[in-house]
Amino acid sequence: MKHLILPLLGLALAPLAAQAAPCGGPLPAFLEAIADDAAAAGLDPKATASFLRGAGIDEKVLKADRSQGVFRMNFIDFSRRLISQNRLDTGRALAQKHVAIFDRAAAQYGVPRGILLAFWAFETDFGQVQGDFNTRNALVTLGHDCRRPELFQPQILAGIALHAKGDLPTNTTGAWAGEIGMVQMLPADILARGVDGDGDGHVTLKTSVADALMSGAQLLQHHGWQANAPWLVEVTVPRQMDWSLSNLETWLSVDDWQAMGVAPRSDSLPGGEASLVLPQGRNGPAFLAYRNFQTLFDWNQSFTYVLTAAYFATRLEGAKTYDAGNADPGLEAAQMIALQEKLAARGHDVGKIDGILGAGTRAAVQAEQKRLGLPADGWPTPDLLNAL
């Protein structure tokens, strides 16, 4: 599965900082402005001309950018859609086939095989579905579009730099948002964190398993991944507790959580600080998320995606299927939009009213549940919608 949400860049690439070419307008003028920015950044003019020659706007990219409905799915539905026995079996087989690469990634960057396998699986189905959008055109399209030019124009410059190194031919294909290769990395990330894992002198994420996995591991380490530390553990929760503590902003010691009745579903809980995550409320699945979990949002900003990837990684490393519980019914897309409108009218910052249960909407739901005397577990229900 390809990225459907743009990851944070997280890079300080001052030499490649775009000078904000005017978005929109005639494409030739935009490309000229990008070429000027590339020259100011010290990029090879021949590489710039070669990369931009024949570049065009891809309307399918714009359509994909504006339709990300898959993230309206709840965690249970989304995880069941992405995690299959075949993916588990394939992941475990690949872990054995490439054991030397995974061991190197763990030794050098501290990232365990389960995490790398999870992103490899979800991003491209272990390299089988890497996207058929022309990468150069996708970057130019999104840099020219006025929705987020400040994010994508530096990616065009990074693309030119990779092209100059021979690592990004103009016929390269990938995801609609410009990500490339088996683990779907953006050009700026490849330029800064790409690893030549197979020693051939190039970073080739589309065809080299070693390059892809080692690059992904270094990127996660750069974003703060801590070696030999947990990321997610399934737990059980008591029938009654202060549910307003269940969010990714509240960090308590594992001892404190256990004192409230939170317990491991299997084995024991690693120590340290953790957040209680209830993706579908107090009656659904429950997890303790550790600090490493937070670093995964630098790969993808969707809570549901990140939680599913983190959970899948635990499955690949031996955890059992989560207990789905008996979650309270959620909201349909139209109801979620109506809820967001009501929350915004009450002064809450829910971000874009799009029917997606993002962090801002969850926080607003929790605040209103607390105000109304409802269990403040952050899960929006028809009862909450009616109460508002």
Protein backbone atom coordinates (compact mmCIF):
# COMPACT_ATOMS: atom_id res chain seq x y z
CA MET A 1 0.00 0.00 0.00
CA LYS A 2 1.38 3.37 -0.97
CA HIS A 3 1.53 6.45 1.23
CA LEU A 4 -1.75 8.32 1.24
CA ILE A 5 -0.59 10.96 3.70
CA LEU A 6 2.50 13.06 3.13
CA PRO A 7 5.15 12.25 5.76
CA LEU A 8 6.95 15.01 7.60
CA LEU A 9 10.19 15.94 5.91
CA GLY A 10 12.12 16.28 9.14
CA LEU A 11 15.23 17.37 7.31
CA ALA A 12 17.40 20.47 7.52
CA LEU A 13 18.56 20.68 3.92
CA ALA A 14 19.58 24.31 3.88
CA PRO A 15 21.50 24.05 0.59
CA LEU A 16 18.36 22.75 -1.10
CA ALA A 17 15.85 25.11 0.46
CA ALA A 18 13.58 26.36 -2.30
CA GLN A 19 13.20 30.08 -2.85
CA ALA A 20 9.44 29.65 -3.10
CA ALA A 21 8.81 29.62 -6.83
CA PRO A 22 5.33 31.08 -7.44
CA CYS A 23 2.76 28.29 -7.40
CA GLY A 24 0.09 28.02 -10.06
CA GLY A 25 0.26 30.00 -13.27
CA PRO A 26 1.87 28.88 -16.52
CA LEU A 27 3.97 25.76 -16.11
CA PRO A 28 6.95 27.03 -18.19
CA ALA A 29 7.33 30.05 -15.91
CA PHE A 30 7.17 27.78 -12.86
CA LEU A 31 9.85 25.47 -14.25
CA GLU A 32 12.07 28.47 -14.98
CA ALA A 33 11.69 29.61 -11.38
CA ILE A 34 12.57 26.11 -10.14
CA ALA A 35 15.65 26.14 -12.36
CA ASP A 36 16.66 29.47 -10.81
CA ASP A 37 16.21 27.95 -7.34
CA ALA A 38 18.30 24.95 -8.36
CA ALA A 39 21.07 27.27 -9.57
CA ALA A 40 20.95 29.21 -6.30
CA ALA A 41 21.31 25.90 -4.46
CA GLY A 42 24.41 25.08 -6.47
CA LEU A 43 22.93 22.20 -8.42
CA ASP A 44 24.40 21.17 -11.76
CA PRO A 45 22.64 23.15 -14.53
CA LYS A 46 22.87 20.22 -16.94
CA ALA A 47 21.20 17.91 -14.42
CA THR A 48 18.53 20.55 -13.78
CA ALA A 49 17.79 20.95 -17.48
CA SER A 50 17.73 17.18 -17.99
CA PHE A 51 15.39 16.61 -15.05
CA LEU A 52 12.92 19.38 -15.91
CA ARG A 53 12.86 18.83 -19.67
CA GLY A 54 9.48 17.37 -20.60
CA ALA A 55 8.04 17.70 -17.08
CA GLY A 56 4.27 18.04 -16.95
CA ILE A 57 1.26 18.26 -14.69
CA ASP A 58 -0.36 14.93 -13.79
CA GLU A 59 -4.06 15.43 -13.06
CA LYS A 60 -4.24 11.95 -11.52
CA VAL A 61 -1.77 13.11 -8.86
CA LEU A 62 -4.02 16.03 -7.94
CA LYS A 63 -7.02 13.72 -7.78
CA ALA A 64 -5.18 11.31 -5.46
CA ASP A 65 -4.04 14.19 -3.26
CA ARG A 66 -7.61 15.25 -2.70
CA SER A 67 -9.15 11.85 -2.05
CA GLN A 68 -7.75 10.06 0.96
CA GLY A 69 -10.94 8.39 2.15
CA VAL A 70 -9.23 5.20 3.33
CA PHE A 71 -8.26 7.02 6.52
CA ARG A 72 -11.91 7.35 7.44
CA MET A 73 -11.83 3.65 8.32
CA ASN A 74 -11.63 2.69 11.98
CA PHE A 75 -8.69 0.76 13.37
CA ILE A 76 -10.36 -2.65 13.45
CA ASP A 77 -11.57 -2.43 9.84
CA PHE A 78 -8.32 -0.89 8.60
CA SER A 79 -6.06 -3.41 10.35
CA ARG A 80 -8.13 -6.36 9.16
CA ARG A 81 -7.93 -5.00 5.63
CA LEU A 82 -4.15 -4.65 5.69
CA ILE A 83 -3.11 -7.64 7.82
CA SER A 84 -3.67 -11.08 6.34
CA GLN A 85 -2.23 -14.49 7.04
CA ASN A 86 -0.49 -14.30 3.67
CA ARG A 87 1.24 -11.05 4.67
CA LEU A 88 2.27 -12.56 7.99
CA ASP A 89 3.66 -15.67 6.29
CA THR A 90 5.43 -13.63 3.61
CA GLY A 91 6.92 -11.26 6.19
CA ARG A 92 8.27 -14.11 8.29
CA ALA A 93 9.72 -15.82 5.21
CA LEU A 94 11.43 -12.61 4.07
CA ALA A 95 12.80 -12.10 7.58
CA GLN A 96 14.61 -15.41 7.20
CA LYS A 97 15.64 -14.83 3.58
CA HIS A 98 17.22 -11.44 4.36
CA VAL A 99 18.31 -12.18 7.91
CA ALA A 100 21.77 -10.69 7.33
CA ILE A 101 20.30 -7.37 6.18
CA PHE A 102 17.88 -7.20 9.10
CA ASP A 103 20.68 -8.03 11.53
CA ARG A 104 22.79 -5.21 10.04
CA ALA A 105 19.90 -2.74 10.29
CA ALA A 106 19.35 -3.65 13.92
CA ALA A 107 23.05 -3.45 14.77
CA GLN A 108 23.71 -0.13 12.99
CA TYR A 109 20.43 1.71 13.55
CA GLY A 110 18.63 -0.16 16.32
CA VAL A 111 15.48 -0.77 14.27
CA PRO A 112 14.00 -4.27 14.66
CA ARG A 113 12.94 -6.40 11.71
CA GLY A 114 9.26 -6.30 12.67
CA ILE A 115 9.07 -2.54 12.13
CA LEU A 116 10.92 -2.63 8.81
CA LEU A 117 8.82 -5.56 7.61
CA ALA A 118 5.60 -3.77 8.55
CA PHE A 119 6.41 -0.69 6.47
CA TRP A 120 7.76 -2.82 3.63
CA ALA A 121 4.46 -4.72 3.63
CA PHE A 122 2.10 -1.76 3.89
CA GLU A 123 3.96 0.61 1.60
CA THR A 124 4.47 -1.70 -1.38
CA ASP A 125 3.35 -5.23 -0.46
CA PHE A 126 7.00 -6.18 0.00
CA GLY A 127 8.07 -4.36 -3.16
CA GLN A 128 5.41 -5.77 -5.46
CA VAL A 129 3.31 -2.59 -5.78
CA GLN A 130 5.56 0.47 -5.81
CA GLY A 131 3.29 2.85 -7.73
CA ASP A 132 3.13 3.76 -11.40
CA PHE A 133 3.11 7.56 -11.16
CA ASN A 134 6.03 9.28 -12.87
CA THR A 135 8.01 10.59 -9.90
CA ARG A 136 9.40 13.68 -11.62
CA ASN A 137 5.94 14.74 -12.80
CA ALA A 138 4.37 13.99 -9.41
CA LEU A 139 6.87 16.28 -7.68
CA VAL A 140 6.44 19.05 -10.25
CA THR A 141 2.64 18.73 -10.05
CA LEU A 142 2.55 19.03 -6.26
CA GLY A 143 5.20 21.76 -6.18
CA HIS A 144 3.25 23.76 -8.76
CA ASP A 145 -0.09 23.20 -7.01
CA CYS A 146 -0.85 25.88 -4.43
CA ARG A 147 -2.02 23.51 -1.73
CA ARG A 148 1.42 22.64 -0.24
CA PRO A 149 4.17 24.07 -2.45
CA GLU A 150 6.44 24.73 0.52
CA LEU A 151 6.61 20.97 1.13
CA PHE A 152 7.07 19.79 -2.43
CA GLN A 153 9.27 22.41 -4.09
CA PRO A 154 12.28 21.32 -1.98
CA GLN A 155 11.50 17.77 -3.08
CA ILE A 156 11.89 18.84 -6.71
CA LEU A 157 15.35 20.21 -5.90
CA ALA A 158 16.23 17.00 -4.07
CA GLY A 159 15.03 15.09 -7.13
CA ILE A 160 17.40 17.12 -9.30
CA ALA A 161 20.27 16.36 -6.91
CA LEU A 162 19.51 12.62 -7.06
CA HIS A 163 19.23 12.84 -10.84
CA ALA A 164 22.69 14.38 -10.97
CA LYS A 165 24.02 11.38 -9.00
CA GLY A 166 22.41 8.95 -11.43
CA ASP A 167 19.93 7.74 -8.80
CA LEU A 168 16.72 9.22 -10.22
CA PRO A 169 16.16 8.81 -13.97
CA THR A 170 13.29 10.89 -15.36
CA ASN A 171 11.29 7.72 -16.05
CA THR A 172 11.35 6.67 -12.38
CA THR A 173 7.92 5.69 -11.08
CA GLY A 174 6.50 5.55 -7.57
CA ALA A 175 3.65 6.79 -5.40
CA TRP A 176 1.47 9.77 -6.26
CA ALA A 177 3.14 11.95 -3.60
CA GLY A 178 6.63 11.39 -4.98
CA GLU A 179 7.78 8.57 -2.70
CA ILE A 180 10.07 6.03 -4.29
CA GLY A 181 10.97 2.40 -3.77
CA MET A 182 10.12 -0.56 -1.59
CA VAL A 183 9.67 1.50 1.57
CA GLN A 184 8.51 4.65 -0.25
CA MET A 185 10.85 7.48 0.67
CA LEU A 186 10.75 11.05 -0.61
CA PRO A 187 13.73 12.40 -2.58
CA ALA A 188 14.93 14.69 0.23
CA ASP A 189 14.93 11.76 2.65
CA ILE A 190 16.79 9.58 0.16
CA LEU A 191 19.34 12.33 -0.44
CA ALA A 192 19.99 12.79 3.27
CA ARG A 193 19.38 9.31 4.70
CA GLY A 194 19.70 6.91 1.78
CA VAL A 195 22.12 4.03 2.35
CA ASP A 196 24.02 2.09 -0.30
CA GLY A 197 23.32 -1.20 1.43
CA ASP A 198 24.58 -3.47 -1.34
CA GLY A 199 27.77 -1.52 -2.06
CA ASP A 200 27.19 -0.83 -5.75
CA GLY A 201 27.76 2.91 -5.44
CA HIS A 202 24.10 3.89 -5.80
CA VAL A 203 21.04 4.12 -3.56
CA THR A 204 18.43 2.17 -5.48
CA LEU A 205 15.32 1.76 -3.38
CA LYS A 206 13.21 0.27 -6.17
CA THR A 207 15.28 -2.85 -6.80
CA SER A 208 17.75 -3.31 -3.92
CA VAL A 209 16.34 -4.85 -0.75
CA ALA A 210 19.51 -3.94 1.13
CA ASP A 211 19.35 -0.28 0.05
CA ALA A 212 15.65 -0.02 0.88
CA LEU A 213 15.76 -1.61 4.32
CA MET A 214 18.97 0.05 5.46
CA SER A 215 17.74 3.44 4.25
CA GLY A 216 14.42 3.00 6.05
CA ALA A 217 16.23 2.01 9.23
CA GLN A 218 18.54 5.04 9.12
CA LEU A 219 15.56 7.33 8.52
CA LEU A 220 13.76 5.97 11.57
CA GLN A 221 16.88 6.31 13.69
CA HIS A 222 17.18 9.91 12.49
CA HIS A 223 13.62 10.55 13.67
CA GLY A 224 14.49 9.28 17.15
CA TRP A 225 14.00 5.52 17.20
CA GLN A 226 15.69 4.08 20.30
CA ALA A 227 17.41 0.70 20.05
CA ASN A 228 16.28 -2.18 22.27
CA ALA A 229 13.19 -0.30 23.41
CA PRO A 230 9.50 -1.24 23.04
CA TRP A 231 6.99 0.51 20.82
CA LEU A 232 3.57 -1.08 21.43
CA VAL A 233 2.10 -3.70 23.76
CA GLU A 234 -1.50 -4.89 23.89
CA VAL A 235 -3.15 -4.50 27.30
CA THR A 236 -6.42 -5.02 29.09
CA VAL A 237 -8.14 -2.17 30.90
CA PRO A 238 -10.41 -2.14 33.96
CA ARG A 239 -14.14 -1.52 33.67
CA GLN A 240 -13.76 1.88 35.33
CA MET A 241 -10.92 4.38 35.28
CA ASP A 242 -10.22 7.98 34.32
CA TRP A 243 -10.63 7.52 30.56
CA SER A 244 -9.52 11.10 29.87
CA LEU A 245 -5.96 9.86 30.44
CA SER A 246 -6.20 7.70 27.31
CA ASN A 247 -4.46 9.78 24.65
CA LEU A 248 -1.04 10.27 23.11
CA GLU A 249 -0.48 13.49 25.04
CA THR A 250 -0.58 11.79 28.46
CA TRP A 251 2.61 9.95 29.41
CA LEU A 252 2.74 8.01 32.65
CA SER A 253 5.04 5.35 34.02
CA VAL A 254 4.05 1.76 33.38
CA ASP A 255 3.84 1.35 37.15
CA ASP A 256 1.23 4.12 37.27
CA TRP A 257 -0.83 2.46 34.53
CA GLN A 258 -0.67 -0.87 36.30
CA ALA A 259 -1.76 0.76 39.55
CA MET A 260 -4.94 1.87 37.71
CA GLY A 261 -5.63 -1.69 36.56
CA VAL A 262 -4.03 -1.66 33.12
CA ALA A 263 -2.43 -5.07 32.59
CA PRO A 264 -0.57 -6.90 29.83
CA ARG A 265 -2.73 -9.24 27.81
CA SER A 266 0.25 -11.56 27.46
CA ASP A 267 3.49 -11.97 29.39
CA SER A 268 4.63 -8.74 31.09
CA LEU A 269 4.91 -5.03 30.39
CA PRO A 270 8.26 -3.39 29.62
CA GLY A 271 9.08 -0.52 31.94
CA GLY A 272 9.35 3.14 31.07
CA GLU A 273 6.79 5.75 30.09
CA ALA A 274 3.80 5.00 27.91
CA SER A 275 0.47 6.33 26.68
CA LEU A 276 -2.78 4.41 26.82
CA VAL A 277 -4.21 4.06 23.31
CA LEU A 278 -7.88 3.14 22.86
CA PRO A 279 -8.45 3.47 19.10
CA GLN A 280 -12.15 2.62 19.38
CA GLY A 281 -12.86 3.56 22.95
CA ARG A 282 -12.77 1.77 26.26
CA ASN A 283 -14.66 -1.28 24.96
CA GLY A 284 -12.40 -1.93 21.97
CA PRO A 285 -8.74 -2.90 21.58
CA ALA A 286 -6.29 -1.37 24.05
CA PHE A 287 -2.54 -0.76 23.82
CA LEU A 288 0.27 0.94 25.69
CA ALA A 289 2.31 2.99 23.21
CA TYR A 290 5.91 3.74 24.16
CA ARG A 291 8.16 6.60 23.02
CA ASN A 292 9.32 4.72 19.92
CA PHE A 293 5.71 4.68 18.73
CA GLN A 294 5.83 8.47 18.36
CA THR A 295 8.73 8.32 15.90
CA LEU A 296 6.54 6.41 13.43
CA PHE A 297 4.46 9.54 12.82
CA ASP A 298 7.48 10.97 11.01
CA TRP A 299 6.94 8.21 8.45
CA ASN A 300 3.19 8.70 8.12
CA GLN A 301 0.91 11.13 9.94
CA SER A 302 -2.20 8.94 10.02
CA PHE A 303 -2.92 7.60 13.52
CA THR A 304 -4.78 4.58 12.16
CA TYR A 305 -1.99 3.74 9.72
CA VAL A 306 0.75 4.11 12.33
CA LEU A 307 -1.11 2.07 14.94
CA THR A 308 -1.80 -0.69 12.42
CA ALA A 309 1.85 -0.76 11.29
CA ALA A 310 3.11 -0.81 14.87
CA TYR A 311 0.68 -3.61 15.78
CA PHE A 312 1.59 -5.61 12.66
CA ALA A 313 5.26 -5.33 13.67
CA THR A 314 4.42 -6.92 17.04
CA ARG A 315 2.59 -9.74 15.26
CA LEU A 316 5.62 -10.38 13.06
CA GLU A 317 7.69 -10.64 16.23
CA GLY A 318 5.37 -13.12 17.93
CA ALA A 319 2.43 -11.25 19.46
CA LYS A 320 -1.02 -12.77 19.14
CA THR A 321 -4.06 -11.27 17.42
CA TYR A 322 -5.52 -8.38 19.40
CA ASP A 323 -8.77 -8.72 21.30
CA ALA A 324 -11.26 -6.59 19.35
CA GLY A 325 -13.57 -6.41 22.37
CA ASN A 326 -17.03 -5.01 21.82
CA ALA A 327 -16.43 -1.46 20.69
CA ASP A 328 -19.35 0.96 20.73
CA PRO A 329 -20.70 1.77 17.25
CA GLY A 330 -18.87 4.66 15.62
CA LEU A 331 -20.02 7.29 13.15
CA GLU A 332 -20.55 7.12 9.42
CA ALA A 333 -18.66 9.64 7.27
CA ALA A 334 -21.56 12.11 7.09
CA GLN A 335 -22.09 11.86 10.86
CA MET A 336 -18.39 12.46 11.48
CA ILE A 337 -18.50 15.61 9.38
CA ALA A 338 -21.57 16.77 11.30
CA LEU A 339 -19.73 16.08 14.56
CA GLN A 340 -16.69 18.05 13.44
CA GLU A 341 -18.92 20.97 12.48
CA LYS A 342 -20.53 20.93 15.92
CA LEU A 343 -17.15 20.69 17.66
CA ALA A 344 -15.79 23.57 15.60
CA ALA A 345 -18.87 25.63 16.45
CA ARG A 346 -18.07 25.09 20.13
CA GLY A 347 -14.59 26.52 19.58
CA HIS A 348 -12.55 23.36 19.17
CA ASP A 349 -9.74 23.20 16.64
CA VAL A 350 -10.51 20.04 14.68
CA GLY A 351 -8.49 21.05 11.65
CA LYS A 352 -10.01 20.38 8.25
CA ILE A 353 -13.62 19.18 8.43
CA ASP A 354 -13.11 16.02 6.39
CA GLY A 355 -14.80 13.18 8.24
CA ILE A 356 -11.43 11.79 9.42
CA LEU A 357 -10.93 11.14 13.12
CA GLY A 358 -7.60 12.91 13.50
CA ALA A 359 -5.77 14.04 16.61
CA GLY A 360 -7.62 17.38 16.83
CA THR A 361 -11.03 15.75 16.55
CA ARG A 362 -10.14 13.08 19.13
CA ALA A 363 -9.01 15.76 21.59
CA ALA A 364 -12.20 17.74 21.04
CA VAL A 365 -14.34 14.62 21.46
CA GLN A 366 -12.59 13.81 24.71
CA ALA A 367 -13.09 17.34 26.02
CA GLU A 368 -16.81 17.30 25.19
CA GLN A 369 -17.28 13.83 26.66
CA LYS A 370 -15.75 15.08 29.89
CA ARG A 371 -17.92 18.20 29.89
CA LEU A 372 -21.07 16.14 29.35
CA GLY A 373 -20.21 13.57 32.00
CA LEU A 374 -19.67 10.78 29.45
CA PRO A 375 -16.76 8.32 29.57
CA ALA A 376 -13.99 10.48 28.06
CA ASP A 377 -12.30 7.80 25.96
CA GLY A 378 -12.05 9.89 22.77
CA TRP A 379 -14.27 7.59 20.69
CA PRO A 380 -17.11 9.50 18.95
CA THR A 381 -20.48 7.75 19.09
CA PRO A 382 -24.01 8.58 17.93
CA ASP A 383 -24.87 9.31 21.56
CA LEU A 384 -22.21 12.02 21.70
CA LEU A 385 -23.34 13.48 18.38
CA ASN A 386 -26.93 13.63 19.65
CA ALA A 387 -25.84 15.15 22.97
CA LEU A 388 -24.14 18.00 21.11
